[in-house]
Amino acid sequence: MRREAGNSLLKVLEEPPADNLLLLAGNAAGSLLDTIVSRCQVIPFAPLPLDLAAEIIRRHRPELDEAGSAALAALADGCPGQALAVETDGILALYRRIVERVLEPGKKPERVERALILAGELAEAKEGMESLLALLRIFLKNAMAARCGTAELVWPPEVEGARERWNLPQLSAKMAAIDLAEQALARNCNRGLTSEVLLLDFFDCSTPLGLNQP
């Protein structure tokens, strides 16, 4: 939220309309003005346990079997709403293509070509791009946990593949690349260029712009 928009919202919070209850939903309180946060009662929400999230997903998508709903719940980190959104918008299929291709071996020219093709698809995802970035963040977080030896019954094959391919500094750099992509989207930067920079880094073909700057 830009400062001008934040100040406009602040005026509403300071002098709210009579008989109204305002609910503000967000996932990045750090990007809001401190004066806005200080005038709100903050209620944090944590992800649901995976078995409960899977049950909610099956309730809304009864055609999914237990394995499918459990996989969606794990992929969305216990957020059934996000899992249902990515499953219905075609984002899940694109996410799987990106993860599958990034873990395939190949020389740099081949990987550059893969990255640019998928970057074009990512840029076309429009509203779904934010959801896909969230899935990639969860993928990297799980790979970091697997790399650190965090206890887990069974890591999905793609997480094991990422653990074998990248060390912790490399995984952290890719997480930072997602941060940069999200910041670029928030500033209405070119979606195509943002997608290319992100996926070229994911495919180990370049360094994200500004990542090594002091």
N, C-alpha and C. Protein backbone atom coordinates (compact mmCIF):
# COMPACT_ATOMS: atom_id res chain seq x y z
N MET A 1 0.85 -1.19 0.00
CA MET A 1 0.00 0.00 0.00
C MET A 1 0.89 1.24 0.00
N ARG A 2 0.67 2.13 -0.97
CA ARG A 2 1.45 3.35 -1.03
C ARG A 2 1.10 4.26 0.15
N ARG A 3 2.01 5.17 0.49
CA ARG A 3 1.80 6.02 1.65
C ARG A 3 0.53 6.86 1.51
N GLU A 4 0.25 7.35 0.28
CA GLU A 4 -0.96 8.16 0.09
C GLU A 4 -2.22 7.36 0.40
N ALA A 5 -2.24 6.10 -0.09
CA ALA A 5 -3.40 5.25 0.18
C ALA A 5 -3.48 4.92 1.67
N GLY A 6 -2.32 4.69 2.28
CA GLY A 6 -2.31 4.39 3.71
C GLY A 6 -2.83 5.55 4.54
N ASN A 7 -2.48 6.77 4.17
CA ASN A 7 -2.97 7.93 4.91
C ASN A 7 -4.47 8.10 4.74
N SER A 8 -4.99 7.78 3.56
CA SER A 8 -6.44 7.86 3.34
C SER A 8 -7.16 6.84 4.21
N LEU A 9 -6.61 5.62 4.28
CA LEU A 9 -7.22 4.59 5.13
C LEU A 9 -7.12 4.99 6.59
N LEU A 10 -6.02 5.63 6.96
CA LEU A 10 -5.84 6.06 8.35
C LEU A 10 -6.93 7.02 8.78
N LYS A 11 -7.33 7.91 7.88
CA LYS A 11 -8.39 8.86 8.21
C LYS A 11 -9.71 8.14 8.51
N VAL A 12 -9.98 7.08 7.73
CA VAL A 12 -11.20 6.30 7.95
C VAL A 12 -11.14 5.60 9.31
N LEU A 13 -9.96 5.07 9.66
CA LEU A 13 -9.82 4.37 10.93
C LEU A 13 -9.93 5.32 12.11
N GLU A 14 -9.45 6.55 11.94
CA GLU A 14 -9.51 7.52 13.03
C GLU A 14 -10.93 8.07 13.22
N GLU A 15 -11.69 8.15 12.14
CA GLU A 15 -13.07 8.64 12.22
C GLU A 15 -13.97 7.67 11.46
N PRO A 16 -14.18 6.48 11.99
CA PRO A 16 -14.96 5.46 11.28
C PRO A 16 -16.43 5.84 11.18
N PRO A 17 -17.09 5.39 10.11
CA PRO A 17 -18.53 5.63 10.00
C PRO A 17 -19.27 4.97 11.16
N ALA A 18 -20.35 5.58 11.57
CA ALA A 18 -21.11 5.04 12.69
C ALA A 18 -21.68 3.66 12.35
N ASP A 19 -21.76 2.80 13.36
CA ASP A 19 -22.38 1.47 13.22
C ASP A 19 -21.72 0.62 12.15
N ASN A 20 -20.41 0.74 12.00
CA ASN A 20 -19.67 -0.08 11.05
C ASN A 20 -18.56 -0.82 11.78
N LEU A 21 -18.30 -2.04 11.32
CA LEU A 21 -17.18 -2.84 11.81
C LEU A 21 -16.25 -3.08 10.63
N LEU A 22 -15.02 -2.61 10.72
CA LEU A 22 -14.06 -2.72 9.62
C LEU A 22 -13.11 -3.87 9.89
N LEU A 23 -13.05 -4.81 8.95
CA LEU A 23 -12.13 -5.94 9.03
C LEU A 23 -11.09 -5.79 7.92
N LEU A 24 -9.83 -5.69 8.30
CA LEU A 24 -8.75 -5.54 7.34
C LEU A 24 -7.98 -6.85 7.27
N ALA A 25 -7.88 -7.43 6.09
CA ALA A 25 -7.16 -8.70 5.92
C ALA A 25 -5.89 -8.44 5.13
N GLY A 26 -4.78 -8.99 5.60
CA GLY A 26 -3.52 -8.81 4.90
C GLY A 26 -2.52 -9.87 5.32
N ASN A 27 -1.46 -10.01 4.54
CA ASN A 27 -0.44 -11.01 4.87
C ASN A 27 0.94 -10.40 5.02
N ALA A 28 1.02 -9.06 5.08
CA ALA A 28 2.32 -8.41 5.21
C ALA A 28 2.16 -7.12 6.01
N ALA A 29 1.99 -7.28 7.32
CA ALA A 29 1.78 -6.10 8.17
C ALA A 29 2.97 -5.16 8.12
N GLY A 30 4.14 -5.70 7.84
CA GLY A 30 5.34 -4.86 7.79
C GLY A 30 5.31 -3.83 6.69
N SER A 31 4.47 -4.04 5.66
CA SER A 31 4.39 -3.07 4.57
C SER A 31 3.34 -2.01 4.82
N LEU A 32 2.63 -2.09 5.95
CA LEU A 32 1.62 -1.08 6.30
C LEU A 32 2.24 -0.02 7.19
N LEU A 33 1.62 1.14 7.18
CA LEU A 33 2.07 2.21 8.07
C LEU A 33 1.90 1.76 9.53
N ASP A 34 2.88 2.08 10.36
CA ASP A 34 2.78 1.73 11.78
C ASP A 34 1.54 2.34 12.42
N THR A 35 1.17 3.54 11.95
CA THR A 35 0.01 4.20 12.53
C THR A 35 -1.29 3.45 12.22
N ILE A 36 -1.32 2.72 11.10
CA ILE A 36 -2.50 1.91 10.77
C ILE A 36 -2.55 0.70 11.69
N VAL A 37 -1.42 0.00 11.81
CA VAL A 37 -1.39 -1.20 12.63
C VAL A 37 -1.72 -0.87 14.08
N SER A 38 -1.23 0.27 14.56
CA SER A 38 -1.45 0.63 15.95
C SER A 38 -2.91 0.94 16.26
N ARG A 39 -3.70 1.23 15.25
CA ARG A 39 -5.12 1.53 15.45
C ARG A 39 -6.01 0.32 15.22
N CYS A 40 -5.40 -0.84 15.05
CA CYS A 40 -6.17 -2.06 14.81
C CYS A 40 -5.90 -3.08 15.91
N GLN A 41 -6.86 -3.94 16.12
CA GLN A 41 -6.65 -5.10 16.97
C GLN A 41 -6.17 -6.22 16.06
N VAL A 42 -4.91 -6.59 16.19
CA VAL A 42 -4.30 -7.57 15.29
C VAL A 42 -4.65 -8.98 15.77
N ILE A 43 -5.21 -9.78 14.87
CA ILE A 43 -5.56 -11.17 15.17
C ILE A 43 -4.80 -12.06 14.20
N PRO A 44 -3.71 -12.69 14.65
CA PRO A 44 -2.93 -13.53 13.74
C PRO A 44 -3.63 -14.86 13.47
N PHE A 45 -3.45 -15.38 12.26
CA PHE A 45 -3.99 -16.68 11.88
C PHE A 45 -2.84 -17.58 11.45
N ALA A 46 -2.82 -18.79 11.98
CA ALA A 46 -1.77 -19.75 11.63
C ALA A 46 -2.35 -20.78 10.67
N PRO A 47 -1.51 -21.44 9.88
CA PRO A 47 -2.00 -22.50 9.00
C PRO A 47 -2.68 -23.61 9.80
N LEU A 48 -3.63 -24.28 9.18
CA LEU A 48 -4.32 -25.39 9.84
C LEU A 48 -3.44 -26.64 9.84
N PRO A 49 -3.68 -27.56 10.75
CA PRO A 49 -3.02 -28.87 10.65
C PRO A 49 -3.34 -29.49 9.29
N LEU A 50 -2.38 -30.19 8.72
CA LEU A 50 -2.55 -30.68 7.35
C LEU A 50 -3.74 -31.61 7.19
N ASP A 51 -4.02 -32.46 8.21
CA ASP A 51 -5.16 -33.37 8.08
C ASP A 51 -6.48 -32.60 8.07
N LEU A 52 -6.58 -31.53 8.85
CA LEU A 52 -7.79 -30.72 8.86
C LEU A 52 -7.92 -29.94 7.55
N ALA A 53 -6.81 -29.40 7.06
CA ALA A 53 -6.84 -28.70 5.78
C ALA A 53 -7.27 -29.63 4.66
N ALA A 54 -6.76 -30.86 4.67
CA ALA A 54 -7.13 -31.84 3.64
C ALA A 54 -8.62 -32.18 3.72
N GLU A 55 -9.15 -32.27 4.94
CA GLU A 55 -10.58 -32.55 5.11
C GLU A 55 -11.44 -31.43 4.52
N ILE A 56 -11.03 -30.18 4.75
CA ILE A 56 -11.78 -29.04 4.21
C ILE A 56 -11.71 -29.04 2.68
N ILE A 57 -10.54 -29.37 2.14
CA ILE A 57 -10.39 -29.42 0.68
C ILE A 57 -11.31 -30.48 0.09
N ARG A 58 -11.37 -31.67 0.72
CA ARG A 58 -12.25 -32.74 0.21
C ARG A 58 -13.71 -32.34 0.30
N ARG A 59 -14.05 -31.54 1.31
CA ARG A 59 -15.43 -31.10 1.46
C ARG A 59 -15.85 -30.22 0.28
N HIS A 60 -14.92 -29.42 -0.21
CA HIS A 60 -15.23 -28.54 -1.34
C HIS A 60 -14.96 -29.20 -2.68
N ARG A 61 -14.07 -30.17 -2.70
CA ARG A 61 -13.75 -30.87 -3.95
C ARG A 61 -13.86 -32.37 -3.71
N PRO A 62 -15.11 -32.88 -3.63
CA PRO A 62 -15.30 -34.30 -3.28
C PRO A 62 -14.72 -35.26 -4.31
N GLU A 63 -14.44 -34.78 -5.52
CA GLU A 63 -13.87 -35.67 -6.53
C GLU A 63 -12.41 -36.02 -6.25
N LEU A 64 -11.77 -35.28 -5.35
CA LEU A 64 -10.38 -35.56 -5.01
C LEU A 64 -10.31 -36.71 -4.01
N ASP A 65 -9.35 -37.62 -4.21
CA ASP A 65 -9.17 -38.69 -3.24
C ASP A 65 -8.34 -38.17 -2.06
N GLU A 66 -8.14 -39.03 -1.07
CA GLU A 66 -7.42 -38.60 0.14
C GLU A 66 -5.99 -38.19 -0.19
N ALA A 67 -5.34 -38.94 -1.07
CA ALA A 67 -3.95 -38.62 -1.41
C ALA A 67 -3.87 -37.26 -2.11
N GLY A 68 -4.81 -37.00 -3.01
CA GLY A 68 -4.80 -35.73 -3.74
C GLY A 68 -5.05 -34.54 -2.82
N SER A 69 -6.02 -34.68 -1.93
CA SER A 69 -6.32 -33.57 -1.02
C SER A 69 -5.19 -33.36 -0.02
N ALA A 70 -4.56 -34.46 0.42
CA ALA A 70 -3.43 -34.33 1.34
C ALA A 70 -2.25 -33.65 0.66
N ALA A 71 -2.02 -33.98 -0.61
CA ALA A 71 -0.93 -33.35 -1.35
C ALA A 71 -1.17 -31.86 -1.52
N LEU A 72 -2.43 -31.49 -1.83
CA LEU A 72 -2.76 -30.07 -1.97
C LEU A 72 -2.59 -29.34 -0.65
N ALA A 73 -3.02 -29.96 0.43
CA ALA A 73 -2.90 -29.33 1.75
C ALA A 73 -1.44 -29.09 2.10
N ALA A 74 -0.59 -30.08 1.82
CA ALA A 74 0.84 -29.92 2.11
C ALA A 74 1.47 -28.87 1.22
N LEU A 75 1.05 -28.86 -0.05
CA LEU A 75 1.63 -27.91 -0.99
C LEU A 75 1.29 -26.47 -0.62
N ALA A 76 0.08 -26.27 -0.09
CA ALA A 76 -0.36 -24.93 0.30
C ALA A 76 -0.05 -24.64 1.76
N ASP A 77 0.74 -25.49 2.40
CA ASP A 77 1.20 -25.24 3.77
C ASP A 77 0.05 -25.09 4.75
N GLY A 78 -0.98 -25.91 4.59
CA GLY A 78 -2.09 -25.89 5.53
C GLY A 78 -3.10 -24.78 5.33
N CYS A 79 -3.11 -24.18 4.14
CA CYS A 79 -4.08 -23.11 3.83
C CYS A 79 -5.06 -23.63 2.77
N PRO A 80 -6.21 -24.17 3.17
CA PRO A 80 -7.12 -24.79 2.20
C PRO A 80 -7.65 -23.81 1.17
N GLY A 81 -7.87 -22.55 1.54
CA GLY A 81 -8.35 -21.58 0.56
C GLY A 81 -7.36 -21.39 -0.56
N GLN A 82 -6.09 -21.28 -0.22
CA GLN A 82 -5.05 -21.13 -1.24
C GLN A 82 -4.95 -22.39 -2.08
N ALA A 83 -5.06 -23.55 -1.44
CA ALA A 83 -4.99 -24.82 -2.18
C ALA A 83 -6.11 -24.92 -3.20
N LEU A 84 -7.32 -24.56 -2.82
CA LEU A 84 -8.46 -24.62 -3.75
C LEU A 84 -8.29 -23.62 -4.88
N ALA A 85 -7.73 -22.44 -4.58
CA ALA A 85 -7.56 -21.42 -5.61
C ALA A 85 -6.56 -21.87 -6.67
N VAL A 86 -5.41 -22.38 -6.23
CA VAL A 86 -4.40 -22.77 -7.21
C VAL A 86 -4.82 -23.99 -8.00
N GLU A 87 -5.64 -24.86 -7.40
CA GLU A 87 -6.07 -26.07 -8.09
C GLU A 87 -7.07 -25.76 -9.19
N THR A 88 -7.91 -24.75 -8.97
CA THR A 88 -8.95 -24.42 -9.95
C THR A 88 -8.48 -23.44 -11.00
N ASP A 89 -7.45 -22.65 -10.73
CA ASP A 89 -7.01 -21.62 -11.67
C ASP A 89 -5.91 -22.10 -12.63
N GLY A 90 -5.55 -23.37 -12.55
CA GLY A 90 -4.49 -23.87 -13.40
C GLY A 90 -3.10 -23.52 -12.91
N ILE A 91 -3.01 -22.85 -11.76
CA ILE A 91 -1.71 -22.45 -11.23
C ILE A 91 -0.93 -23.67 -10.74
N LEU A 92 -1.65 -24.66 -10.20
CA LEU A 92 -0.99 -25.85 -9.69
C LEU A 92 -0.23 -26.57 -10.80
N ALA A 93 -0.85 -26.67 -11.97
CA ALA A 93 -0.19 -27.36 -13.09
C ALA A 93 1.06 -26.60 -13.52
N LEU A 94 1.00 -25.26 -13.56
CA LEU A 94 2.16 -24.47 -13.94
C LEU A 94 3.26 -24.60 -12.88
N TYR A 95 2.88 -24.58 -11.62
CA TYR A 95 3.86 -24.76 -10.55
C TYR A 95 4.58 -26.09 -10.71
N ARG A 96 3.84 -27.15 -10.98
CA ARG A 96 4.46 -28.46 -11.12
C ARG A 96 5.40 -28.50 -12.33
N ARG A 97 5.03 -27.82 -13.41
CA ARG A 97 5.92 -27.79 -14.57
C ARG A 97 7.22 -27.07 -14.23
N ILE A 98 7.10 -25.95 -13.52
CA ILE A 98 8.31 -25.20 -13.16
C ILE A 98 9.23 -26.04 -12.29
N VAL A 99 8.68 -26.67 -11.25
CA VAL A 99 9.50 -27.46 -10.33
C VAL A 99 10.09 -28.66 -11.06
N GLU A 100 9.30 -29.30 -11.90
CA GLU A 100 9.80 -30.47 -12.63
C GLU A 100 10.94 -30.09 -13.56
N ARG A 101 10.78 -29.00 -14.31
CA ARG A 101 11.81 -28.62 -15.28
C ARG A 101 13.06 -28.06 -14.60
N VAL A 102 12.89 -27.38 -13.46
CA VAL A 102 14.05 -26.79 -12.80
C VAL A 102 14.96 -27.87 -12.21
N LEU A 103 14.39 -29.03 -11.89
CA LEU A 103 15.18 -30.11 -11.32
C LEU A 103 15.76 -31.05 -12.37
N GLU A 104 15.36 -30.86 -13.64
CA GLU A 104 15.91 -31.68 -14.71
C GLU A 104 17.34 -31.24 -15.02
N PRO A 105 18.24 -32.18 -15.28
CA PRO A 105 19.61 -31.80 -15.65
C PRO A 105 19.63 -31.17 -17.04
N GLY A 106 20.65 -30.42 -17.32
CA GLY A 106 20.79 -29.80 -18.63
C GLY A 106 21.87 -28.75 -18.61
N LYS A 107 22.42 -28.47 -19.79
CA LYS A 107 23.44 -27.43 -19.90
C LYS A 107 22.77 -26.05 -19.85
N LYS A 108 23.57 -25.03 -19.62
CA LYS A 108 23.04 -23.69 -19.39
C LYS A 108 22.14 -23.20 -20.53
N PRO A 109 22.51 -23.36 -21.82
CA PRO A 109 21.60 -22.88 -22.87
C PRO A 109 20.21 -23.53 -22.81
N GLU A 110 20.19 -24.84 -22.48
CA GLU A 110 18.91 -25.53 -22.36
C GLU A 110 18.10 -24.98 -21.19
N ARG A 111 18.78 -24.71 -20.09
CA ARG A 111 18.09 -24.22 -18.90
C ARG A 111 17.59 -22.79 -19.11
N VAL A 112 18.35 -21.99 -19.83
CA VAL A 112 17.89 -20.63 -20.16
C VAL A 112 16.61 -20.70 -20.99
N GLU A 113 16.60 -21.60 -21.97
CA GLU A 113 15.40 -21.73 -22.81
C GLU A 113 14.19 -22.17 -21.99
N ARG A 114 14.39 -23.15 -21.11
CA ARG A 114 13.28 -23.60 -20.25
C ARG A 114 12.77 -22.45 -19.40
N ALA A 115 13.71 -21.71 -18.80
CA ALA A 115 13.33 -20.61 -17.91
C ALA A 115 12.51 -19.56 -18.65
N LEU A 116 12.92 -19.19 -19.85
CA LEU A 116 12.23 -18.13 -20.59
C LEU A 116 10.86 -18.58 -21.06
N ILE A 117 10.73 -19.86 -21.46
CA ILE A 117 9.42 -20.37 -21.87
C ILE A 117 8.45 -20.34 -20.69
N LEU A 118 8.90 -20.83 -19.54
CA LEU A 118 8.03 -20.86 -18.37
C LEU A 118 7.78 -19.45 -17.83
N ALA A 119 8.73 -18.54 -18.01
CA ALA A 119 8.53 -17.16 -17.58
C ALA A 119 7.38 -16.53 -18.37
N GLY A 120 7.28 -16.87 -19.65
CA GLY A 120 6.16 -16.36 -20.45
C GLY A 120 4.83 -16.86 -19.93
N GLU A 121 4.78 -18.14 -19.52
CA GLU A 121 3.54 -18.69 -18.95
C GLU A 121 3.23 -18.04 -17.61
N LEU A 122 4.27 -17.81 -16.82
CA LEU A 122 4.08 -17.19 -15.51
C LEU A 122 3.53 -15.77 -15.65
N ALA A 123 4.06 -15.02 -16.60
CA ALA A 123 3.60 -13.65 -16.80
C ALA A 123 2.15 -13.62 -17.23
N GLU A 124 1.70 -14.66 -17.94
CA GLU A 124 0.32 -14.71 -18.40
C GLU A 124 -0.65 -15.14 -17.30
N ALA A 125 -0.11 -15.61 -16.18
CA ALA A 125 -0.97 -16.09 -15.10
C ALA A 125 -1.75 -14.96 -14.44
N LYS A 126 -1.30 -13.70 -14.61
CA LYS A 126 -1.99 -12.51 -14.09
C LYS A 126 -2.24 -12.65 -12.59
N GLU A 127 -3.53 -12.67 -12.16
CA GLU A 127 -3.82 -12.67 -10.74
C GLU A 127 -3.26 -13.90 -10.03
N GLY A 128 -3.08 -14.99 -10.78
CA GLY A 128 -2.58 -16.21 -10.17
C GLY A 128 -1.09 -16.20 -9.90
N MET A 129 -0.39 -15.18 -10.41
CA MET A 129 1.06 -15.13 -10.24
C MET A 129 1.44 -15.06 -8.77
N GLU A 130 0.70 -14.29 -7.98
CA GLU A 130 1.01 -14.17 -6.56
C GLU A 130 0.86 -15.52 -5.86
N SER A 131 -0.18 -16.28 -6.23
CA SER A 131 -0.38 -17.60 -5.62
C SER A 131 0.76 -18.53 -5.99
N LEU A 132 1.23 -18.45 -7.22
CA LEU A 132 2.32 -19.32 -7.64
C LEU A 132 3.61 -18.98 -6.89
N LEU A 133 3.86 -17.68 -6.69
CA LEU A 133 5.03 -17.30 -5.92
C LEU A 133 4.94 -17.84 -4.49
N ALA A 134 3.73 -17.85 -3.94
CA ALA A 134 3.55 -18.39 -2.60
C ALA A 134 3.86 -19.89 -2.57
N LEU A 135 3.46 -20.61 -3.62
CA LEU A 135 3.77 -22.04 -3.70
C LEU A 135 5.28 -22.27 -3.81
N LEU A 136 5.94 -21.46 -4.63
CA LEU A 136 7.39 -21.60 -4.76
C LEU A 136 8.09 -21.31 -3.43
N ARG A 137 7.56 -20.36 -2.68
CA ARG A 137 8.14 -20.03 -1.37
C ARG A 137 8.01 -21.25 -0.43
N ILE A 138 6.85 -21.89 -0.43
CA ILE A 138 6.64 -23.07 0.41
C ILE A 138 7.57 -24.20 -0.02
N PHE A 139 7.73 -24.36 -1.33
CA PHE A 139 8.64 -25.37 -1.87
C PHE A 139 10.07 -25.16 -1.36
N LEU A 140 10.54 -23.93 -1.41
CA LEU A 140 11.89 -23.63 -0.94
C LEU A 140 11.99 -23.80 0.58
N LYS A 141 10.95 -23.39 1.30
CA LYS A 141 10.97 -23.53 2.75
C LYS A 141 11.08 -25.00 3.14
N ASN A 142 10.33 -25.87 2.45
CA ASN A 142 10.40 -27.30 2.74
C ASN A 142 11.76 -27.87 2.37
N ALA A 143 12.34 -27.39 1.26
CA ALA A 143 13.67 -27.85 0.87
C ALA A 143 14.71 -27.45 1.91
N MET A 144 14.56 -26.25 2.47
CA MET A 144 15.49 -25.80 3.52
C MET A 144 15.33 -26.65 4.78
N ALA A 145 14.07 -26.97 5.11
CA ALA A 145 13.82 -27.81 6.28
C ALA A 145 14.42 -29.20 6.07
N ALA A 146 14.25 -29.74 4.87
CA ALA A 146 14.82 -31.06 4.57
C ALA A 146 16.34 -31.01 4.61
N ARG A 147 16.90 -29.91 4.13
CA ARG A 147 18.36 -29.76 4.12
C ARG A 147 18.91 -29.70 5.55
N CYS A 148 18.11 -29.11 6.46
CA CYS A 148 18.55 -28.99 7.85
C CYS A 148 18.26 -30.25 8.65
N GLY A 149 17.59 -31.23 8.01
CA GLY A 149 17.31 -32.47 8.70
C GLY A 149 16.10 -32.41 9.58
N THR A 150 15.19 -31.43 9.34
CA THR A 150 13.97 -31.34 10.13
C THR A 150 13.15 -32.61 9.98
N ALA A 151 12.64 -33.13 11.09
CA ALA A 151 11.90 -34.39 11.05
C ALA A 151 10.64 -34.26 10.21
N GLU A 152 10.45 -35.22 9.34
CA GLU A 152 9.26 -35.26 8.49
C GLU A 152 9.08 -36.71 8.08
N LEU A 153 7.86 -37.19 8.03
CA LEU A 153 7.63 -38.58 7.68
C LEU A 153 8.20 -38.90 6.29
N VAL A 154 7.69 -38.20 5.29
CA VAL A 154 8.15 -38.41 3.92
C VAL A 154 8.15 -37.07 3.20
N TRP A 155 9.30 -36.64 2.71
CA TRP A 155 9.35 -35.44 1.89
C TRP A 155 8.95 -35.79 0.47
N PRO A 156 8.17 -34.95 -0.21
CA PRO A 156 7.83 -35.22 -1.61
C PRO A 156 9.10 -35.30 -2.45
N PRO A 157 9.05 -36.04 -3.57
CA PRO A 157 10.25 -36.20 -4.40
C PRO A 157 10.86 -34.88 -4.84
N GLU A 158 10.01 -33.88 -5.15
CA GLU A 158 10.56 -32.62 -5.61
C GLU A 158 11.34 -31.89 -4.50
N VAL A 159 10.90 -32.06 -3.26
CA VAL A 159 11.63 -31.45 -2.14
C VAL A 159 12.97 -32.15 -1.95
N GLU A 160 12.97 -33.48 -2.07
CA GLU A 160 14.23 -34.22 -1.97
C GLU A 160 15.17 -33.81 -3.10
N GLY A 161 14.60 -33.60 -4.31
CA GLY A 161 15.43 -33.17 -5.42
C GLY A 161 16.05 -31.81 -5.19
N ALA A 162 15.27 -30.88 -4.64
CA ALA A 162 15.80 -29.54 -4.34
C ALA A 162 16.85 -29.60 -3.25
N ARG A 163 16.64 -30.46 -2.26
CA ARG A 163 17.61 -30.61 -1.17
C ARG A 163 18.95 -31.11 -1.71
N GLU A 164 18.88 -32.01 -2.68
CA GLU A 164 20.12 -32.55 -3.27
C GLU A 164 20.79 -31.53 -4.18
N ARG A 165 20.01 -30.67 -4.83
CA ARG A 165 20.55 -29.77 -5.84
C ARG A 165 21.16 -28.51 -5.24
N TRP A 166 20.50 -27.93 -4.21
CA TRP A 166 20.91 -26.63 -3.70
C TRP A 166 21.30 -26.72 -2.23
N ASN A 167 22.33 -25.94 -1.86
CA ASN A 167 22.69 -25.83 -0.45
C ASN A 167 21.87 -24.70 0.19
N LEU A 168 22.05 -24.48 1.47
CA LEU A 168 21.24 -23.47 2.18
C LEU A 168 21.45 -22.06 1.65
N PRO A 169 22.69 -21.60 1.38
CA PRO A 169 22.84 -20.26 0.80
C PRO A 169 22.14 -20.11 -0.55
N GLN A 170 22.17 -21.15 -1.37
CA GLN A 170 21.49 -21.08 -2.66
C GLN A 170 19.97 -21.02 -2.48
N LEU A 171 19.46 -21.82 -1.56
CA LEU A 171 18.02 -21.78 -1.29
C LEU A 171 17.61 -20.42 -0.73
N SER A 172 18.43 -19.86 0.14
CA SER A 172 18.14 -18.54 0.70
C SER A 172 18.15 -17.48 -0.39
N ALA A 173 19.08 -17.59 -1.33
CA ALA A 173 19.14 -16.63 -2.43
C ALA A 173 17.89 -16.71 -3.30
N LYS A 174 17.38 -17.91 -3.51
CA LYS A 174 16.16 -18.06 -4.32
C LYS A 174 14.94 -17.53 -3.56
N MET A 175 14.94 -17.69 -2.24
CA MET A 175 13.87 -17.11 -1.43
C MET A 175 13.90 -15.58 -1.54
N ALA A 176 15.11 -15.01 -1.54
CA ALA A 176 15.25 -13.57 -1.69
C ALA A 176 14.79 -13.12 -3.07
N ALA A 177 15.00 -13.97 -4.09
CA ALA A 177 14.54 -13.64 -5.43
C ALA A 177 13.02 -13.55 -5.49
N ILE A 178 12.34 -14.42 -4.74
CA ILE A 178 10.88 -14.34 -4.66
C ILE A 178 10.46 -13.05 -3.98
N ASP A 179 11.18 -12.66 -2.92
CA ASP A 179 10.88 -11.38 -2.26
C ASP A 179 10.97 -10.22 -3.26
N LEU A 180 12.03 -10.22 -4.07
CA LEU A 180 12.22 -9.16 -5.05
C LEU A 180 11.09 -9.16 -6.08
N ALA A 181 10.67 -10.36 -6.50
CA ALA A 181 9.59 -10.46 -7.48
C ALA A 181 8.28 -9.92 -6.89
N GLU A 182 8.01 -10.25 -5.64
CA GLU A 182 6.78 -9.76 -5.00
C GLU A 182 6.83 -8.24 -4.85
N GLN A 183 7.98 -7.70 -4.50
CA GLN A 183 8.12 -6.25 -4.39
C GLN A 183 7.94 -5.58 -5.75
N ALA A 184 8.46 -6.21 -6.80
CA ALA A 184 8.30 -5.66 -8.15
C ALA A 184 6.84 -5.64 -8.56
N LEU A 185 6.10 -6.71 -8.25
CA LEU A 185 4.68 -6.76 -8.58
C LEU A 185 3.91 -5.69 -7.81
N ALA A 186 4.29 -5.48 -6.54
CA ALA A 186 3.61 -4.45 -5.74
C ALA A 186 3.84 -3.06 -6.31
N ARG A 187 4.96 -2.85 -7.02
CA ARG A 187 5.25 -1.55 -7.64
C ARG A 187 4.76 -1.50 -9.08
N ASN A 188 3.98 -2.52 -9.50
CA ASN A 188 3.45 -2.58 -10.87
C ASN A 188 4.55 -2.59 -11.92
N CYS A 189 5.66 -3.27 -11.62
CA CYS A 189 6.72 -3.43 -12.61
C CYS A 189 6.26 -4.40 -13.70
N ASN A 190 6.99 -4.41 -14.79
CA ASN A 190 6.64 -5.27 -15.92
C ASN A 190 6.63 -6.74 -15.48
N ARG A 191 5.48 -7.40 -15.67
CA ARG A 191 5.33 -8.78 -15.19
C ARG A 191 6.22 -9.74 -15.97
N GLY A 192 6.37 -9.47 -17.27
CA GLY A 192 7.21 -10.34 -18.08
C GLY A 192 8.66 -10.30 -17.64
N LEU A 193 9.19 -9.10 -17.43
CA LEU A 193 10.58 -8.96 -16.99
C LEU A 193 10.75 -9.54 -15.59
N THR A 194 9.78 -9.29 -14.72
CA THR A 194 9.85 -9.84 -13.37
C THR A 194 9.90 -11.36 -13.39
N SER A 195 9.08 -11.96 -14.25
CA SER A 195 9.05 -13.42 -14.37
C SER A 195 10.37 -13.96 -14.90
N GLU A 196 10.93 -13.27 -15.89
CA GLU A 196 12.20 -13.73 -16.48
C GLU A 196 13.33 -13.68 -15.46
N VAL A 197 13.43 -12.56 -14.73
CA VAL A 197 14.50 -12.42 -13.74
C VAL A 197 14.38 -13.52 -12.69
N LEU A 198 13.15 -13.76 -12.23
CA LEU A 198 12.93 -14.77 -11.19
C LEU A 198 13.31 -16.16 -11.67
N LEU A 199 12.80 -16.56 -12.84
CA LEU A 199 13.01 -17.93 -13.28
C LEU A 199 14.42 -18.17 -13.80
N LEU A 200 15.06 -17.14 -14.35
CA LEU A 200 16.46 -17.32 -14.72
C LEU A 200 17.30 -17.60 -13.48
N ASP A 201 16.94 -16.98 -12.36
CA ASP A 201 17.65 -17.28 -11.12
C ASP A 201 17.30 -18.67 -10.63
N PHE A 202 16.02 -19.03 -10.70
CA PHE A 202 15.59 -20.36 -10.25
C PHE A 202 16.31 -21.45 -11.02
N PHE A 203 16.53 -21.22 -12.31
CA PHE A 203 17.20 -22.20 -13.15
C PHE A 203 18.72 -22.04 -13.12
N ASP A 204 19.23 -21.26 -12.17
CA ASP A 204 20.67 -21.07 -11.98
C ASP A 204 21.34 -20.48 -13.22
N CYS A 205 20.64 -19.55 -13.87
CA CYS A 205 21.17 -18.94 -15.09
C CYS A 205 21.57 -17.47 -14.90
N SER A 206 21.24 -16.90 -13.76
CA SER A 206 21.61 -15.49 -13.54
C SER A 206 21.48 -15.21 -12.06
N THR A 207 21.91 -14.01 -11.67
CA THR A 207 21.76 -13.52 -10.30
C THR A 207 20.66 -12.48 -10.28
N PRO A 208 19.69 -12.56 -9.34
CA PRO A 208 18.61 -11.58 -9.29
C PRO A 208 19.15 -10.16 -9.23
N LEU A 209 18.49 -9.26 -9.92
CA LEU A 209 18.91 -7.87 -9.92
C LEU A 209 18.90 -7.32 -8.50
N GLY A 210 20.02 -6.72 -8.13
CA GLY A 210 20.08 -6.05 -6.83
C GLY A 210 20.37 -6.95 -5.66
N LEU A 211 20.42 -8.30 -5.87
CA LEU A 211 20.57 -9.20 -4.74
C LEU A 211 21.91 -9.03 -4.05
N ASN A 212 22.97 -8.75 -4.85
CA ASN A 212 24.30 -8.62 -4.26
C ASN A 212 24.71 -7.18 -4.02
N GLN A 213 23.77 -6.27 -4.21
CA GLN A 213 24.09 -4.89 -3.95
C GLN A 213 24.14 -4.62 -2.46
N PRO A 214 25.03 -3.71 -2.00
CA PRO A 214 25.11 -3.43 -0.56
C PRO A 214 23.84 -2.73 -0.08
